[in-house]
């Protein structure tokens, strides 16, 4: 939904990406990874970039990917 809303200019994608970069969320669970069709349809590049920076630890289970913050 976030990607669709962003394409239509219906939500503040830059603000959401900033929240992701700040680590405002505990983790993300996505279907697939960047480069997979479903992932790329659901996550715009700005948010995916922020996820890569703030949640660099990934664990894959089947087609799900858990994105975790770096260990401190």
C-alpha atoms as a PDB file:
ATOM      1  CA  UNK A   1       0.000   0.000   0.000  1.00  0.00           C
ATOM      2  CA  UNK A   2       2.841   2.418   0.816  1.00  0.00           C
ATOM      3  CA  UNK A   3       4.247   2.182  -2.706  1.00  0.00           C
ATOM      4  CA  UNK A   4       0.829   2.714  -4.275  1.00  0.00           C
ATOM      5  CA  UNK A   5       0.108   5.716  -2.068  1.00  0.00           C
ATOM      6  CA  UNK A   6       3.510   7.212  -2.846  1.00  0.00           C
ATOM      7  CA  UNK A   7       2.974   6.832  -6.590  1.00  0.00           C
ATOM      8  CA  UNK A   8      -0.284   8.731  -6.220  1.00  0.00           C
ATOM      9  CA  UNK A   9       1.251  11.406  -3.974  1.00  0.00           C
ATOM     10  CA  UNK A  10      -1.027  10.443  -1.070  1.00  0.00           C
ATOM     11  CA  UNK A  11       1.531  10.134   1.711  1.00  0.00           C
ATOM     12  CA  UNK A  12       4.837  11.612   2.814  1.00  0.00           C
ATOM     13  CA  UNK A  13       7.311   9.070   1.481  1.00  0.00           C
ATOM     14  CA  UNK A  14      10.318  11.213   2.457  1.00  0.00           C
ATOM     15  CA  UNK A  15       9.012  11.441   6.029  1.00  0.00           C
ATOM     16  CA  UNK A  16       8.454   7.696   6.203  1.00  0.00           C
ATOM     17  CA  UNK A  17      11.926   7.003   4.770  1.00  0.00           C
ATOM     18  CA  UNK A  18      13.395   9.353   7.418  1.00  0.00           C
ATOM     19  CA  UNK A  19      11.615   7.386  10.153  1.00  0.00           C
ATOM     20  CA  UNK A  20      13.050   4.162   8.741  1.00  0.00           C
ATOM     21  CA  UNK A  21      16.579   5.650   8.608  1.00  0.00           C
ATOM     22  CA  UNK A  22      16.219   6.746  12.262  1.00  0.00           C
ATOM     23  CA  UNK A  23      15.385   3.166  13.232  1.00  0.00           C
ATOM     24  CA  UNK A  24      11.882   4.066  14.407  1.00  0.00           C
ATOM     25  CA  UNK A  25      10.689   0.501  13.854  1.00  0.00           C
ATOM     26  CA  UNK A  26      11.851  -2.656  15.586  1.00  0.00           C
ATOM     27  CA  UNK A  27      12.189  -4.615  12.328  1.00  0.00           C
ATOM     28  CA  UNK A  28      10.579  -5.205   8.948  1.00  0.00           C
ATOM     29  CA  UNK A  29       9.295  -8.404   7.413  1.00  0.00           C
ATOM     30  CA  UNK A  30       9.088  -8.376   3.644  1.00  0.00           C
ATOM     31  CA  UNK A  31       8.298 -10.856   0.924  1.00  0.00           C
ATOM     32  CA  UNK A  32      11.525 -11.411  -0.949  1.00  0.00           C
ATOM     33  CA  UNK A  33      14.419  -9.005  -1.350  1.00  0.00           C
ATOM     34  CA  UNK A  34      15.340  -6.089  -3.562  1.00  0.00           C
ATOM     35  CA  UNK A  35      15.296  -7.146  -7.171  1.00  0.00           C
ATOM     36  CA  UNK A  36      12.386  -9.526  -6.603  1.00  0.00           C
ATOM     37  CA  UNK A  37       9.276  -8.340  -8.412  1.00  0.00           C
ATOM     38  CA  UNK A  38       6.975  -8.423  -5.406  1.00  0.00           C
ATOM     39  CA  UNK A  39       9.453  -6.580  -3.156  1.00  0.00           C
ATOM     40  CA  UNK A  40      10.108  -3.894  -5.749  1.00  0.00           C
ATOM     41  CA  UNK A  41       6.372  -3.374  -6.306  1.00  0.00           C
ATOM     42  CA  UNK A  42       5.751  -2.925  -2.576  1.00  0.00           C
ATOM     43  CA  UNK A  43       8.772  -0.840  -1.526  1.00  0.00           C
ATOM     44  CA  UNK A  44       9.867   2.285  -3.357  1.00  0.00           C
ATOM     45  CA  UNK A  45      13.625   2.834  -3.742  1.00  0.00           C
ATOM     46  CA  UNK A  46      13.822   5.617  -1.122  1.00  0.00           C
ATOM     47  CA  UNK A  47      12.283   3.405   1.561  1.00  0.00           C
ATOM     48  CA  UNK A  48      14.234   0.310   0.466  1.00  0.00           C
ATOM     49  CA  UNK A  49      17.470   2.345   0.645  1.00  0.00           C
ATOM     50  CA  UNK A  50      16.584   3.492   4.165  1.00  0.00           C
ATOM     51  CA  UNK A  51      15.801  -0.102   5.162  1.00  0.00           C
ATOM     52  CA  UNK A  52      19.182  -1.265   3.832  1.00  0.00           C
ATOM     53  CA  UNK A  53      20.976   1.352   5.954  1.00  0.00           C
ATOM     54  CA  UNK A  54      19.024   1.095   9.211  1.00  0.00           C
ATOM     55  CA  UNK A  55      18.193  -2.633   9.137  1.00  0.00           C
ATOM     56  CA  UNK A  56      21.252  -4.251   7.526  1.00  0.00           C
ATOM     57  CA  UNK A  57      20.920  -7.680   9.149  1.00  0.00           C
ATOM     58  CA  UNK A  58      18.665  -9.946   7.115  1.00  0.00           C
ATOM     59  CA  UNK A  59      17.380 -13.442   7.751  1.00  0.00           C
ATOM     60  CA  UNK A  60      15.488 -15.327   5.047  1.00  0.00           C
ATOM     61  CA  UNK A  61      12.831 -17.931   5.720  1.00  0.00           C
ATOM     62  CA  UNK A  62      11.253 -19.244   2.525  1.00  0.00           C
ATOM     63  CA  UNK A  63      10.081 -16.129   0.658  1.00  0.00           C
ATOM     64  CA  UNK A  64      10.059 -13.910   3.764  1.00  0.00           C
ATOM     65  CA  UNK A  65      12.953 -11.660   4.761  1.00  0.00           C
ATOM     66  CA  UNK A  66      13.364 -10.317   8.284  1.00  0.00           C
ATOM     67  CA  UNK A  67      15.231  -6.979   8.295  1.00  0.00           C
ATOM     68  CA  UNK A  68      16.882  -6.269  11.661  1.00  0.00           C
ATOM     69  CA  UNK A  69      18.948  -3.363  12.987  1.00  0.00           C
ATOM     70  CA  UNK A  70      22.696  -3.839  13.371  1.00  0.00           C
ATOM     71  CA  UNK A  71      23.733  -5.502  16.604  1.00  0.00           C
ATOM     72  CA  UNK A  72      24.894  -2.999  19.183  1.00  0.00           C
END
